[in-house]
Amino acid sequence: MNGNEISEFITVFLMLIGSIISVISAVGIIRFPDVYTRSHAATKSSTLAVLLTLVGAFLYFFFTESLVSVRLILGIVFVFLTSPVAGHLIIRAAYRSNVKLADSTVEDELKDALHQED
């Protein structure tokens, strides 16, 4: 194996892992019981899946064509910063709108912090 084949293997491996994590995320969205755990599956694992796929694409273009794609770098940074924050804000809005927790929820740590009587 020469260097070009090894670099292509690394990029394909990253993209494959990203695809597998994306499928796992989709299964989590379907199977989890409430909006809070579904959002966790949608934001955390999907962010990782997209990041691995974009890093694989970036490395592919870098190794094969010696091209540094600013669009891919911006996509990686944008997804890394916005997806977890958006998921957090959506879930906080759902909690403040009194969306019911799953029956299997053991503890509500946010209840004491948000519903304090002054």
PDB file of N, CA and C in Angstrom:
ATOM      1  N   MET A   1       0.845  -1.186   0.000  1.00  0.00           N
ATOM      2  CA  MET A   1       0.000   0.000   0.000  1.00  0.00           C
ATOM      3  C   MET A   1       0.884   1.241   0.000  1.00  0.00           C
ATOM      4  N   ASN A   2       0.548   2.149  -0.871  1.00  0.00           N
ATOM      5  CA  ASN A   2       1.280   3.405  -0.865  1.00  0.00           C
ATOM      6  C   ASN A   2       0.525   4.446  -0.030  1.00  0.00           C
ATOM      7  N   GLY A   3       1.078   5.616   0.075  1.00  0.00           N
ATOM      8  CA  GLY A   3       0.496   6.663   0.923  1.00  0.00           C
ATOM      9  C   GLY A   3      -0.872   7.111   0.462  1.00  0.00           C
ATOM     10  N   ASN A   4      -1.085   7.128  -0.847  1.00  0.00           N
ATOM     11  CA  ASN A   4      -2.369   7.566  -1.374  1.00  0.00           C
ATOM     12  C   ASN A   4      -3.481   6.584  -1.003  1.00  0.00           C
ATOM     13  N   GLU A   5      -3.196   5.302  -1.068  1.00  0.00           N
ATOM     14  CA  GLU A   5      -4.195   4.298  -0.702  1.00  0.00           C
ATOM     15  C   GLU A   5      -4.499   4.342   0.788  1.00  0.00           C
ATOM     16  N   ILE A   6      -3.492   4.566   1.599  1.00  0.00           N
ATOM     17  CA  ILE A   6      -3.705   4.662   3.048  1.00  0.00           C
ATOM     18  C   ILE A   6      -4.560   5.870   3.378  1.00  0.00           C
ATOM     19  N   SER A   7      -4.286   7.008   2.739  1.00  0.00           N
ATOM     20  CA  SER A   7      -5.085   8.207   3.006  1.00  0.00           C
ATOM     21  C   SER A   7      -6.530   8.016   2.554  1.00  0.00           C
ATOM     22  N   GLU A   8      -6.733   7.359   1.427  1.00  0.00           N
ATOM     23  CA  GLU A   8      -8.099   7.082   0.982  1.00  0.00           C
ATOM     24  C   GLU A   8      -8.808   6.128   1.945  1.00  0.00           C
ATOM     25  N   PHE A   9      -8.079   5.151   2.468  1.00  0.00           N
ATOM     26  CA  PHE A   9      -8.663   4.236   3.451  1.00  0.00           C
ATOM     27  C   PHE A   9      -9.089   4.991   4.707  1.00  0.00           C
ATOM     28  N   ILE A  10      -8.259   5.910   5.179  1.00  0.00           N
ATOM     29  CA  ILE A  10      -8.590   6.690   6.378  1.00  0.00           C
ATOM     30  C   ILE A  10      -9.838   7.529   6.141  1.00  0.00           C
ATOM     31  N   THR A  11      -9.918   8.182   4.996  1.00  0.00           N
ATOM     32  CA  THR A  11     -11.085   9.025   4.720  1.00  0.00           C
ATOM     33  C   THR A  11     -12.359   8.200   4.568  1.00  0.00           C
ATOM     34  N   VAL A  12     -12.257   7.070   3.905  1.00  0.00           N
ATOM     35  CA  VAL A  12     -13.430   6.203   3.765  1.00  0.00           C
ATOM     36  C   VAL A  12     -13.851   5.652   5.122  1.00  0.00           C
ATOM     37  N   PHE A  13     -12.870   5.317   5.956  1.00  0.00           N
ATOM     38  CA  PHE A  13     -13.182   4.817   7.297  1.00  0.00           C
ATOM     39  C   PHE A  13     -13.909   5.873   8.120  1.00  0.00           C
ATOM     40  N   LEU A  14     -13.455   7.125   8.071  1.00  0.00           N
ATOM     41  CA  LEU A  14     -14.128   8.190   8.808  1.00  0.00           C
ATOM     42  C   LEU A  14     -15.554   8.398   8.311  1.00  0.00           C
ATOM     43  N   MET A  15     -15.725   8.380   6.999  1.00  0.00           N
ATOM     44  CA  MET A  15     -17.069   8.554   6.453  1.00  0.00           C
ATOM     45  C   MET A  15     -17.975   7.378   6.796  1.00  0.00           C
ATOM     46  N   LEU A  16     -17.425   6.175   6.808  1.00  0.00           N
ATOM     47  CA  LEU A  16     -18.214   4.997   7.167  1.00  0.00           C
ATOM     48  C   LEU A  16     -18.637   5.046   8.633  1.00  0.00           C
ATOM     49  N   ILE A  17     -17.724   5.408   9.500  1.00  0.00           N
ATOM     50  CA  ILE A  17     -18.073   5.536  10.925  1.00  0.00           C
ATOM     51  C   ILE A  17     -19.125   6.622  11.114  1.00  0.00           C
ATOM     52  N   GLY A  18     -18.984   7.739  10.401  1.00  0.00           N
ATOM     53  CA  GLY A  18     -19.993   8.797  10.471  1.00  0.00           C
ATOM     54  C   GLY A  18     -21.360   8.311  10.015  1.00  0.00           C
ATOM     55  N   SER A  19     -21.395   7.505   8.967  1.00  0.00           N
ATOM     56  CA  SER A  19     -22.667   6.958   8.480  1.00  0.00           C
ATOM     57  C   SER A  19     -23.281   5.999   9.485  1.00  0.00           C
ATOM     58  N   ILE A  20     -22.466   5.168  10.098  1.00  0.00           N
ATOM     59  CA  ILE A  20     -22.975   4.218  11.100  1.00  0.00           C
ATOM     60  C   ILE A  20     -23.538   4.955  12.309  1.00  0.00           C
ATOM     61  N   ILE A  21     -22.830   5.972  12.764  1.00  0.00           N
ATOM     62  CA  ILE A  21     -23.322   6.751  13.907  1.00  0.00           C
ATOM     63  C   ILE A  21     -24.609   7.479  13.548  1.00  0.00           C
ATOM     64  N   SER A  22     -24.737   7.920  12.312  1.00  0.00           N
ATOM     65  CA  SER A  22     -25.972   8.569  11.861  1.00  0.00           C
ATOM     66  C   SER A  22     -27.152   7.603  11.909  1.00  0.00           C
ATOM     67  N   VAL A  23     -26.942   6.368  11.505  1.00  0.00           N
ATOM     68  CA  VAL A  23     -28.010   5.365  11.575  1.00  0.00           C
ATOM     69  C   VAL A  23     -28.370   5.065  13.027  1.00  0.00           C
ATOM     70  N   ILE A  24     -27.362   4.974  13.887  1.00  0.00           N
ATOM     71  CA  ILE A  24     -27.626   4.760  15.310  1.00  0.00           C
ATOM     72  C   ILE A  24     -28.417   5.920  15.888  1.00  0.00           C
ATOM     73  N   SER A  25     -28.098   7.130  15.467  1.00  0.00           N
ATOM     74  CA  SER A  25     -28.844   8.309  15.911  1.00  0.00           C
ATOM     75  C   SER A  25     -30.298   8.239  15.472  1.00  0.00           C
ATOM     76  N   ALA A  26     -30.537   7.809  14.252  1.00  0.00           N
ATOM     77  CA  ALA A  26     -31.909   7.693  13.758  1.00  0.00           C
ATOM     78  C   ALA A  26     -32.685   6.647  14.544  1.00  0.00           C
ATOM     79  N   VAL A  27     -32.047   5.548  14.879  1.00  0.00           N
ATOM     80  CA  VAL A  27     -32.708   4.525  15.706  1.00  0.00           C
ATOM     81  C   VAL A  27     -33.022   5.089  17.090  1.00  0.00           C
ATOM     82  N   GLY A  28     -32.118   5.867  17.651  1.00  0.00           N
ATOM     83  CA  GLY A  28     -32.362   6.478  18.955  1.00  0.00           C
ATOM     84  C   GLY A  28     -33.524   7.448  18.920  1.00  0.00           C
ATOM     85  N   ILE A  29     -33.644   8.199  17.848  1.00  0.00           N
ATOM     86  CA  ILE A  29     -34.763   9.135  17.726  1.00  0.00           C
ATOM     87  C   ILE A  29     -36.091   8.385  17.692  1.00  0.00           C
ATOM     88  N   ILE A  30     -36.113   7.240  17.062  1.00  0.00           N
ATOM     89  CA  ILE A  30     -37.348   6.463  16.970  1.00  0.00           C
ATOM     90  C   ILE A  30     -37.665   5.755  18.286  1.00  0.00           C
ATOM     91  N   ARG A  31     -36.659   5.228  18.961  1.00  0.00           N
ATOM     92  CA  ARG A  31     -36.908   4.342  20.097  1.00  0.00           C
ATOM     93  C   ARG A  31     -36.978   5.021  21.460  1.00  0.00           C
ATOM     94  N   PHE A  32     -36.386   6.184  21.625  1.00  0.00           N
ATOM     95  CA  PHE A  32     -36.384   6.812  22.950  1.00  0.00           C
ATOM     96  C   PHE A  32     -37.780   7.294  23.324  1.00  0.00           C
ATOM     97  N   PRO A  33     -38.101   7.337  24.635  1.00  0.00           N
ATOM     98  CA  PRO A  33     -39.488   7.532  25.053  1.00  0.00           C
ATOM     99  C   PRO A  33     -40.008   8.965  25.036  1.00  0.00           C
ATOM    100  N   ASP A  34     -39.179   9.970  25.250  1.00  0.00           N
ATOM    101  CA  ASP A  34     -39.718  11.321  25.346  1.00  0.00           C
ATOM    102  C   ASP A  34     -38.877  12.301  24.531  1.00  0.00           C
ATOM    103  N   VAL A  35     -39.337  13.539  24.495  1.00  0.00           N
ATOM    104  CA  VAL A  35     -38.702  14.543  23.651  1.00  0.00           C
ATOM    105  C   VAL A  35     -37.280  14.860  24.123  1.00  0.00           C
ATOM    106  N   TYR A  36     -37.019  14.720  25.398  1.00  0.00           N
ATOM    107  CA  TYR A  36     -35.702  15.068  25.936  1.00  0.00           C
ATOM    108  C   TYR A  36     -34.634  14.061  25.495  1.00  0.00           C
ATOM    109  N   THR A  37     -34.933  12.806  25.605  1.00  0.00           N
ATOM    110  CA  THR A  37     -33.952  11.799  25.192  1.00  0.00           C
ATOM    111  C   THR A  37     -33.848  11.719  23.672  1.00  0.00           C
ATOM    112  N   ARG A  38     -34.943  11.967  22.988  1.00  0.00           N
ATOM    113  CA  ARG A  38     -34.883  11.989  21.522  1.00  0.00           C
ATOM    114  C   ARG A  38     -34.017  13.139  21.027  1.00  0.00           C
ATOM    115  N   SER A  39     -34.142  14.267  21.678  1.00  0.00           N
ATOM    116  CA  SER A  39     -33.315  15.404  21.295  1.00  0.00           C
ATOM    117  C   SER A  39     -31.850  15.133  21.581  1.00  0.00           C
ATOM    118  N   HIS A  40     -31.587  14.425  22.644  1.00  0.00           N
ATOM    119  CA  HIS A  40     -30.197  14.053  22.951  1.00  0.00           C
ATOM    120  C   HIS A  40     -29.623  13.204  21.827  1.00  0.00           C
ATOM    121  N   ALA A  41     -30.399  12.248  21.364  1.00  0.00           N
ATOM    122  CA  ALA A  41     -29.943  11.404  20.251  1.00  0.00           C
ATOM    123  C   ALA A  41     -29.783  12.223  18.975  1.00  0.00           C
ATOM    124  N   ALA A  42     -30.672  13.171  18.777  1.00  0.00           N
ATOM    125  CA  ALA A  42     -30.625  13.959  17.546  1.00  0.00           C
ATOM    126  C   ALA A  42     -29.455  14.931  17.528  1.00  0.00           C
ATOM    127  N   THR A  43     -29.106  15.489  18.667  1.00  0.00           N
ATOM    128  CA  THR A  43     -28.057  16.509  18.662  1.00  0.00           C
ATOM    129  C   THR A  43     -26.668  15.928  18.875  1.00  0.00           C
ATOM    130  N   LYS A  44     -26.498  15.112  19.868  1.00  0.00           N
ATOM    131  CA  LYS A  44     -25.143  14.649  20.203  1.00  0.00           C
ATOM    132  C   LYS A  44     -24.582  13.697  19.155  1.00  0.00           C
ATOM    133  N   SER A  45     -25.286  12.632  18.878  1.00  0.00           N
ATOM    134  CA  SER A  45     -24.729  11.650  17.958  1.00  0.00           C
ATOM    135  C   SER A  45     -24.785  12.120  16.501  1.00  0.00           C
ATOM    136  N   SER A  46     -25.792  12.892  16.148  1.00  0.00           N
ATOM    137  CA  SER A  46     -25.832  13.412  14.782  1.00  0.00           C
ATOM    138  C   SER A  46     -24.715  14.421  14.544  1.00  0.00           C
ATOM    139  N   THR A  47     -24.400  15.206  15.563  1.00  0.00           N
ATOM    140  CA  THR A  47     -23.281  16.134  15.441  1.00  0.00           C
ATOM    141  C   THR A  47     -21.987  15.384  15.204  1.00  0.00           C
ATOM    142  N   LEU A  48     -21.771  14.332  15.959  1.00  0.00           N
ATOM    143  CA  LEU A  48     -20.566  13.522  15.770  1.00  0.00           C
ATOM    144  C   LEU A  48     -20.547  12.887  14.386  1.00  0.00           C
ATOM    145  N   ALA A  49     -21.689  12.406  13.926  1.00  0.00           N
ATOM    146  CA  ALA A  49     -21.764  11.766  12.609  1.00  0.00           C
ATOM    147  C   ALA A  49     -21.445  12.764  11.491  1.00  0.00           C
ATOM    148  N   VAL A  50     -22.017  13.939  11.575  1.00  0.00           N
ATOM    149  CA  VAL A  50     -21.761  14.950  10.542  1.00  0.00           C
ATOM    150  C   VAL A  50     -20.306  15.396  10.591  1.00  0.00           C
ATOM    151  N   LEU A  51     -19.770  15.564  11.791  1.00  0.00           N
ATOM    152  CA  LEU A  51     -18.372  15.982  11.912  1.00  0.00           C
ATOM    153  C   LEU A  51     -17.423  14.944  11.325  1.00  0.00           C
ATOM    154  N   LEU A  52     -17.651  13.675  11.614  1.00  0.00           N
ATOM    155  CA  LEU A  52     -16.786  12.637  11.059  1.00  0.00           C
ATOM    156  C   LEU A  52     -16.889  12.585   9.533  1.00  0.00           C
ATOM    157  N   THR A  53     -18.089  12.743   9.014  1.00  0.00           N
ATOM    158  CA  THR A  53     -18.266  12.724   7.565  1.00  0.00           C
ATOM    159  C   THR A  53     -17.566  13.916   6.912  1.00  0.00           C
ATOM    160  N   LEU A  54     -17.723  15.104   7.496  1.00  0.00           N
ATOM    161  CA  LEU A  54     -17.081  16.287   6.928  1.00  0.00           C
ATOM    162  C   LEU A  54     -15.562  16.241   7.059  1.00  0.00           C
ATOM    163  N   VAL A  55     -15.068  15.708   8.176  1.00  0.00           N
ATOM    164  CA  VAL A  55     -13.617  15.566   8.328  1.00  0.00           C
ATOM    165  C   VAL A  55     -13.082  14.562   7.311  1.00  0.00           C
ATOM    166  N   GLY A  56     -13.824  13.490   7.076  1.00  0.00           N
ATOM    167  CA  GLY A  56     -13.422  12.529   6.049  1.00  0.00           C
ATOM    168  C   GLY A  56     -13.377  13.156   4.670  1.00  0.00           C
ATOM    169  N   ALA A  57     -14.377  13.965   4.346  1.00  0.00           N
ATOM    170  CA  ALA A  57     -14.386  14.642   3.042  1.00  0.00           C
ATOM    171  C   ALA A  57     -13.241  15.647   2.950  1.00  0.00           C
ATOM    172  N   PHE A  58     -12.995  16.380   4.039  1.00  0.00           N
ATOM    173  CA  PHE A  58     -11.894  17.347   4.044  1.00  0.00           C
ATOM    174  C   PHE A  58     -10.552  16.651   3.830  1.00  0.00           C
ATOM    175  N   LEU A  59     -10.335  15.555   4.549  1.00  0.00           N
ATOM    176  CA  LEU A  59      -9.068  14.838   4.409  1.00  0.00           C
ATOM    177  C   LEU A  59      -8.924  14.216   3.020  1.00  0.00           C
ATOM    178  N   TYR A  60     -10.029  13.762   2.445  1.00  0.00           N
ATOM    179  CA  TYR A  60      -9.969  13.201   1.097  1.00  0.00           C
ATOM    180  C   TYR A  60      -9.478  14.245   0.099  1.00  0.00           C
ATOM    181  N   PHE A  61     -10.095  15.422   0.122  1.00  0.00           N
ATOM    182  CA  PHE A  61      -9.672  16.478  -0.800  1.00  0.00           C
ATOM    183  C   PHE A  61      -8.250  16.952  -0.498  1.00  0.00           C
ATOM    184  N   PHE A  62      -7.890  16.953   0.770  1.00  0.00           N
ATOM    185  CA  PHE A  62      -6.543  17.387   1.135  1.00  0.00           C
ATOM    186  C   PHE A  62      -5.490  16.396   0.643  1.00  0.00           C
ATOM    187  N   PHE A  63      -5.744  15.105   0.835  1.00  0.00           N
ATOM    188  CA  PHE A  63      -4.758  14.096   0.445  1.00  0.00           C
ATOM    189  C   PHE A  63      -4.703  13.873  -1.068  1.00  0.00           C
ATOM    190  N   THR A  64      -5.842  13.857  -1.741  1.00  0.00           N
ATOM    191  CA  THR A  64      -5.846  13.512  -3.161  1.00  0.00           C
ATOM    192  C   THR A  64      -5.540  14.701  -4.069  1.00  0.00           C
ATOM    193  N   GLU A  65      -6.056  15.878  -3.714  1.00  0.00           N
ATOM    194  CA  GLU A  65      -5.892  17.032  -4.587  1.00  0.00           C
ATOM    195  C   GLU A  65      -5.075  18.155  -3.956  1.00  0.00           C
ATOM    196  N   SER A  66      -4.584  17.950  -2.745  1.00  0.00           N
ATOM    197  CA  SER A  66      -3.864  18.984  -1.979  1.00  0.00           C
ATOM    198  C   SER A  66      -4.686  20.269  -1.898  1.00  0.00           C
ATOM    199  N   LEU A  67      -5.973  20.098  -1.662  1.00  0.00           N
ATOM    200  CA  LEU A  67      -6.904  21.208  -1.604  1.00  0.00           C
ATOM    201  C   LEU A  67      -7.384  21.389  -0.172  1.00  0.00           C
ATOM    202  N   VAL A  68      -7.236  22.590   0.358  1.00  0.00           N
ATOM    203  CA  VAL A  68      -7.776  22.917   1.670  1.00  0.00           C
ATOM    204  C   VAL A  68      -9.105  23.630   1.434  1.00  0.00           C
ATOM    205  N   SER A  69     -10.191  22.938   1.727  1.00  0.00           N
ATOM    206  CA  SER A  69     -11.521  23.470   1.458  1.00  0.00           C
ATOM    207  C   SER A  69     -11.996  24.305   2.646  1.00  0.00           C
ATOM    208  N   VAL A  70     -12.087  25.592   2.415  1.00  0.00           N
ATOM    209  CA  VAL A  70     -12.561  26.500   3.464  1.00  0.00           C
ATOM    210  C   VAL A  70     -14.033  26.231   3.747  1.00  0.00           C
ATOM    211  N   ARG A  71     -14.793  25.840   2.741  1.00  0.00           N
ATOM    212  CA  ARG A  71     -16.208  25.533   2.957  1.00  0.00           C
ATOM    213  C   ARG A  71     -16.387  24.357   3.920  1.00  0.00           C
ATOM    214  N   LEU A  72     -15.568  23.336   3.766  1.00  0.00           N
ATOM    215  CA  LEU A  72     -15.676  22.191   4.685  1.00  0.00           C
ATOM    216  C   LEU A  72     -15.245  22.576   6.090  1.00  0.00           C
ATOM    217  N   ILE A  73     -14.196  23.377   6.205  1.00  0.00           N
ATOM    218  CA  ILE A  73     -13.760  23.827   7.534  1.00  0.00           C
ATOM    219  C   ILE A  73     -14.860  24.648   8.200  1.00  0.00           C
ATOM    220  N   LEU A  74     -15.466  25.561   7.455  1.00  0.00           N
ATOM    221  CA  LEU A  74     -16.565  26.360   8.007  1.00  0.00           C
ATOM    222  C   LEU A  74     -17.764  25.487   8.362  1.00  0.00           C
ATOM    223  N   GLY A  75     -18.036  24.476   7.546  1.00  0.00           N
ATOM    224  CA  GLY A  75     -19.120  23.549   7.870  1.00  0.00           C
ATOM    225  C   GLY A  75     -18.858  22.785   9.153  1.00  0.00           C
ATOM    226  N   ILE A  76     -17.619  22.347   9.334  1.00  0.00           N
ATOM    227  CA  ILE A  76     -17.249  21.626  10.554  1.00  0.00           C
ATOM    228  C   ILE A  76     -17.411  22.530  11.773  1.00  0.00           C
ATOM    229  N   VAL A  77     -16.894  23.738  11.684  1.00  0.00           N
ATOM    230  CA  VAL A  77     -16.984  24.679  12.815  1.00  0.00           C
ATOM    231  C   VAL A  77     -18.440  25.040  13.087  1.00  0.00           C
ATOM    232  N   PHE A  78     -19.207  25.304  12.032  1.00  0.00           N
ATOM    233  CA  PHE A  78     -20.602  25.699  12.193  1.00  0.00           C
ATOM    234  C   PHE A  78     -21.418  24.594  12.863  1.00  0.00           C
ATOM    235  N   VAL A  79     -21.280  23.371  12.403  1.00  0.00           N
ATOM    236  CA  VAL A  79     -22.029  22.254  12.991  1.00  0.00           C
ATOM    237  C   VAL A  79     -21.579  22.007  14.428  1.00  0.00           C
ATOM    238  N   PHE A  80     -20.289  22.090  14.664  1.00  0.00           N
ATOM    239  CA  PHE A  80     -19.760  21.841  16.007  1.00  0.00           C
ATOM    240  C   PHE A  80     -20.271  22.867  17.007  1.00  0.00           C
ATOM    241  N   LEU A  81     -20.438  24.109  16.590  1.00  0.00           N
ATOM    242  CA  LEU A  81     -20.882  25.146  17.514  1.00  0.00           C
ATOM    243  C   LEU A  81     -22.400  25.240  17.637  1.00  0.00           C
ATOM    244  N   THR A  82     -23.111  25.103  16.546  1.00  0.00           N
ATOM    245  CA  THR A  82     -24.541  25.401  16.582  1.00  0.00           C
ATOM    246  C   THR A  82     -25.442  24.232  16.964  1.00  0.00           C
ATOM    247  N   SER A  83     -25.088  23.033  16.598  1.00  0.00           N
ATOM    248  CA  SER A  83     -25.984  21.909  16.849  1.00  0.00           C
ATOM    249  C   SER A  83     -26.213  21.635  18.347  1.00  0.00           C
ATOM    250  N   PRO A  84     -25.177  21.539  19.168  1.00  0.00           N
ATOM    251  CA  PRO A  84     -25.446  21.322  20.597  1.00  0.00           C
ATOM    252  C   PRO A  84     -26.172  22.488  21.262  1.00  0.00           C
ATOM    253  N   VAL A  85     -25.853  23.706  20.859  1.00  0.00           N
ATOM    254  CA  VAL A  85     -26.515  24.871  21.446  1.00  0.00           C
ATOM    255  C   VAL A  85     -27.989  24.902  21.059  1.00  0.00           C
ATOM    256  N   ALA A  86     -28.286  24.632  19.801  1.00  0.00           N
ATOM    257  CA  ALA A  86     -29.676  24.614  19.356  1.00  0.00           C
ATOM    258  C   ALA A  86     -30.464  23.512  20.061  1.00  0.00           C
ATOM    259  N   GLY A  87     -29.858  22.340  20.209  1.00  0.00           N
ATOM    260  CA  GLY A  87     -30.523  21.259  20.937  1.00  0.00           C
ATOM    261  C   GLY A  87     -30.809  21.629  22.379  1.00  0.00           C
ATOM    262  N   HIS A  88     -29.853  22.288  23.011  1.00  0.00           N
ATOM    263  CA  HIS A  88     -30.043  22.717  24.407  1.00  0.00           C
ATOM    264  C   HIS A  88     -31.180  23.733  24.509  1.00  0.00           C
ATOM    265  N   LEU A  89     -31.218  24.686  23.618  1.00  0.00           N
ATOM    266  CA  LEU A  89     -32.268  25.707  23.669  1.00  0.00           C
ATOM    267  C   LEU A  89     -33.645  25.127  23.371  1.00  0.00           C
ATOM    268  N   ILE A  90     -33.723  24.199  22.450  1.00  0.00           N
ATOM    269  CA  ILE A  90     -35.013  23.571  22.138  1.00  0.00           C
ATOM    270  C   ILE A  90     -35.521  22.774  23.325  1.00  0.00           C
ATOM    271  N   ILE A  91     -34.638  22.044  23.982  1.00  0.00           N
ATOM    272  CA  ILE A  91     -35.054  21.249  25.138  1.00  0.00           C
ATOM    273  C   ILE A  91     -35.413  22.124  26.327  1.00  0.00           C
ATOM    274  N   ARG A  92     -34.684  23.200  26.509  1.00  0.00           N
ATOM    275  CA  ARG A  92     -35.032  24.121  27.598  1.00  0.00           C
ATOM    276  C   ARG A  92     -36.406  24.740  27.340  1.00  0.00           C
ATOM    277  N   ALA A  93     -36.698  25.085  26.098  1.00  0.00           N
ATOM    278  CA  ALA A  93     -38.025  25.621  25.766  1.00  0.00           C
ATOM    279  C   ALA A  93     -39.105  24.563  25.989  1.00  0.00           C
ATOM    280  N   ALA A  94     -38.803  23.321  25.653  1.00  0.00           N
ATOM    281  CA  ALA A  94     -39.771  22.249  25.891  1.00  0.00           C
ATOM    282  C   ALA A  94     -40.010  22.060  27.386  1.00  0.00           C
ATOM    283  N   TYR A  95     -38.954  22.138  28.179  1.00  0.00           N
ATOM    284  CA  TYR A  95     -39.108  21.971  29.624  1.00  0.00           C
ATOM    285  C   TYR A  95     -39.928  23.110  30.219  1.00  0.00           C
ATOM    286  N   ARG A  96     -39.654  24.322  29.783  1.00  0.00           N
ATOM    287  CA  ARG A  96     -40.398  25.473  30.304  1.00  0.00           C
ATOM    288  C   ARG A  96     -41.845  25.481  29.821  1.00  0.00           C
ATOM    289  N   SER A  97     -42.126  24.768  28.743  1.00  0.00           N
ATOM    290  CA  SER A  97     -43.499  24.643  28.256  1.00  0.00           C
ATOM    291  C   SER A  97     -44.216  23.466  28.904  1.00  0.00           C
ATOM    292  N   ASN A  98     -43.592  22.857  29.891  1.00  0.00           N
ATOM    293  CA  ASN A  98     -44.153  21.745  30.670  1.00  0.00           C
ATOM    294  C   ASN A  98     -44.431  20.511  29.828  1.00  0.00           C
ATOM    295  N   VAL A  99     -43.512  20.190  28.918  1.00  0.00           N
ATOM    296  CA  VAL A  99     -43.613  18.934  28.188  1.00  0.00           C
ATOM    297  C   VAL A  99     -43.299  17.811  29.173  1.00  0.00           C
ATOM    298  N   LYS A 100     -44.131  16.803  29.179  1.00  0.00           N
ATOM    299  CA  LYS A 100     -44.036  15.728  30.165  1.00  0.00           C
ATOM    300  C   LYS A 100     -42.756  14.915  29.987  1.00  0.00           C
ATOM    301  N   LEU A 101     -42.128  14.594  31.119  1.00  0.00           N
ATOM    302  CA  LEU A 101     -40.974  13.692  31.119  1.00  0.00           C
ATOM    303  C   LEU A 101     -41.454  12.260  30.951  1.00  0.00           C
ATOM    304  N   ALA A 102     -40.558  11.378  30.580  1.00  0.00           N
ATOM    305  CA  ALA A 102     -40.911   9.965  30.452  1.00  0.00           C
ATOM    306  C   ALA A 102     -41.234   9.393  31.831  1.00  0.00           C
ATOM    307  N   ASP A 103     -42.034   8.347  31.844  1.00  0.00           N
ATOM    308  CA  ASP A 103     -42.384   7.710  33.116  1.00  0.00           C
ATOM    309  C   ASP A 103     -41.176   7.082  33.784  1.00  0.00           C
ATOM    310  N   SER A 104     -40.179   6.741  33.011  1.00  0.00           N
ATOM    311  CA  SER A 104     -38.982   6.101  33.570  1.00  0.00           C
ATOM    312  C   SER A 104     -37.968   7.109  34.125  1.00  0.00           C
ATOM    313  N   THR A 105     -38.278   8.407  34.064  1.00  0.00           N
ATOM    314  CA  THR A 105     -37.371   9.425  34.583  1.00  0.00           C
ATOM    315  C   THR A 105     -37.294   9.315  36.096  1.00  0.00           C
ATOM    316  N   VAL A 106     -36.074   9.245  36.610  1.00  0.00           N
ATOM    317  CA  VAL A 106     -35.866   9.052  38.033  1.00  0.00           C
ATOM    318  C   VAL A 106     -35.802  10.380  38.773  1.00  0.00           C
ATOM    319  N   GLU A 107     -35.088  11.340  38.228  1.00  0.00           N
ATOM    320  CA  GLU A 107     -34.874  12.592  38.936  1.00  0.00           C
ATOM    321  C   GLU A 107     -34.981  13.767  37.977  1.00  0.00           C
ATOM    322  N   ASP A 108     -35.597  14.830  38.444  1.00  0.00           N
ATOM    323  CA  ASP A 108     -35.718  16.068  37.681  1.00  0.00           C
ATOM    324  C   ASP A 108     -34.851  17.122  38.355  1.00  0.00           C
ATOM    325  N   GLU A 109     -33.600  17.222  37.927  1.00  0.00           N
ATOM    326  CA  GLU A 109     -32.655  18.136  38.567  1.00  0.00           C
ATOM    327  C   GLU A 109     -32.960  19.599  38.276  1.00  0.00           C
ATOM    328  N   LEU A 110     -33.621  19.877  37.201  1.00  0.00           N
ATOM    329  CA  LEU A 110     -33.890  21.253  36.814  1.00  0.00           C
ATOM    330  C   LEU A 110     -35.097  21.835  37.541  1.00  0.00           C
ATOM    331  N   LYS A 111     -35.935  20.976  38.107  1.00  0.00           N
ATOM    332  CA  LYS A 111     -37.146  21.444  38.770  1.00  0.00           C
ATOM    333  C   LYS A 111     -36.835  22.371  39.937  1.00  0.00           C
ATOM    334  N   ASP A 112     -35.871  21.999  40.775  1.00  0.00           N
ATOM    335  CA  ASP A 112     -35.525  22.836  41.924  1.00  0.00           C
ATOM    336  C   ASP A 112     -34.897  24.160  41.493  1.00  0.00           C
ATOM    337  N   ALA A 113     -34.121  24.137  40.437  1.00  0.00           N
ATOM    338  CA  ALA A 113     -33.435  25.350  40.000  1.00  0.00           C
ATOM    339  C   ALA A 113     -34.387  26.357  39.356  1.00  0.00           C
ATOM    340  N   LEU A 114     -35.385  25.892  38.643  1.00  0.00           N
ATOM    341  CA  LEU A 114     -36.286  26.795  37.941  1.00  0.00           C
ATOM    342  C   LEU A 114     -37.513  27.177  38.749  1.00  0.00           C
ATOM    343  N   HIS A 115     -37.894  26.372  39.706  1.00  0.00           N
ATOM    344  CA  HIS A 115     -39.119  26.625  40.448  1.00  0.00           C
ATOM    345  C   HIS A 115     -38.848  26.965  41.893  1.00  0.00           C
ATOM    346  N   GLN A 116     -37.846  27.770  42.138  1.00  0.00           N
ATOM    347  CA  GLN A 116     -37.546  28.206  43.499  1.00  0.00           C
ATOM    348  C   GLN A 116     -38.510  29.322  43.883  1.00  0.00           C
ATOM    349  N   GLU A 117     -38.919  29.285  45.125  1.00  0.00           N
ATOM    350  CA  GLU A 117     -39.770  30.365  45.610  1.00  0.00           C
ATOM    351  C   GLU A 117     -38.887  31.347  46.356  1.00  0.00           C
ATOM    352  N   ASP A 118     -38.922  32.591  45.890  1.00  0.00           N
ATOM    353  CA  ASP A 118     -38.074  33.625  46.500  1.00  0.00           C
ATOM    354  C   ASP A 118     -38.710  34.243  47.704  1.00  0.00           C
TER     355      ASP A 118
END
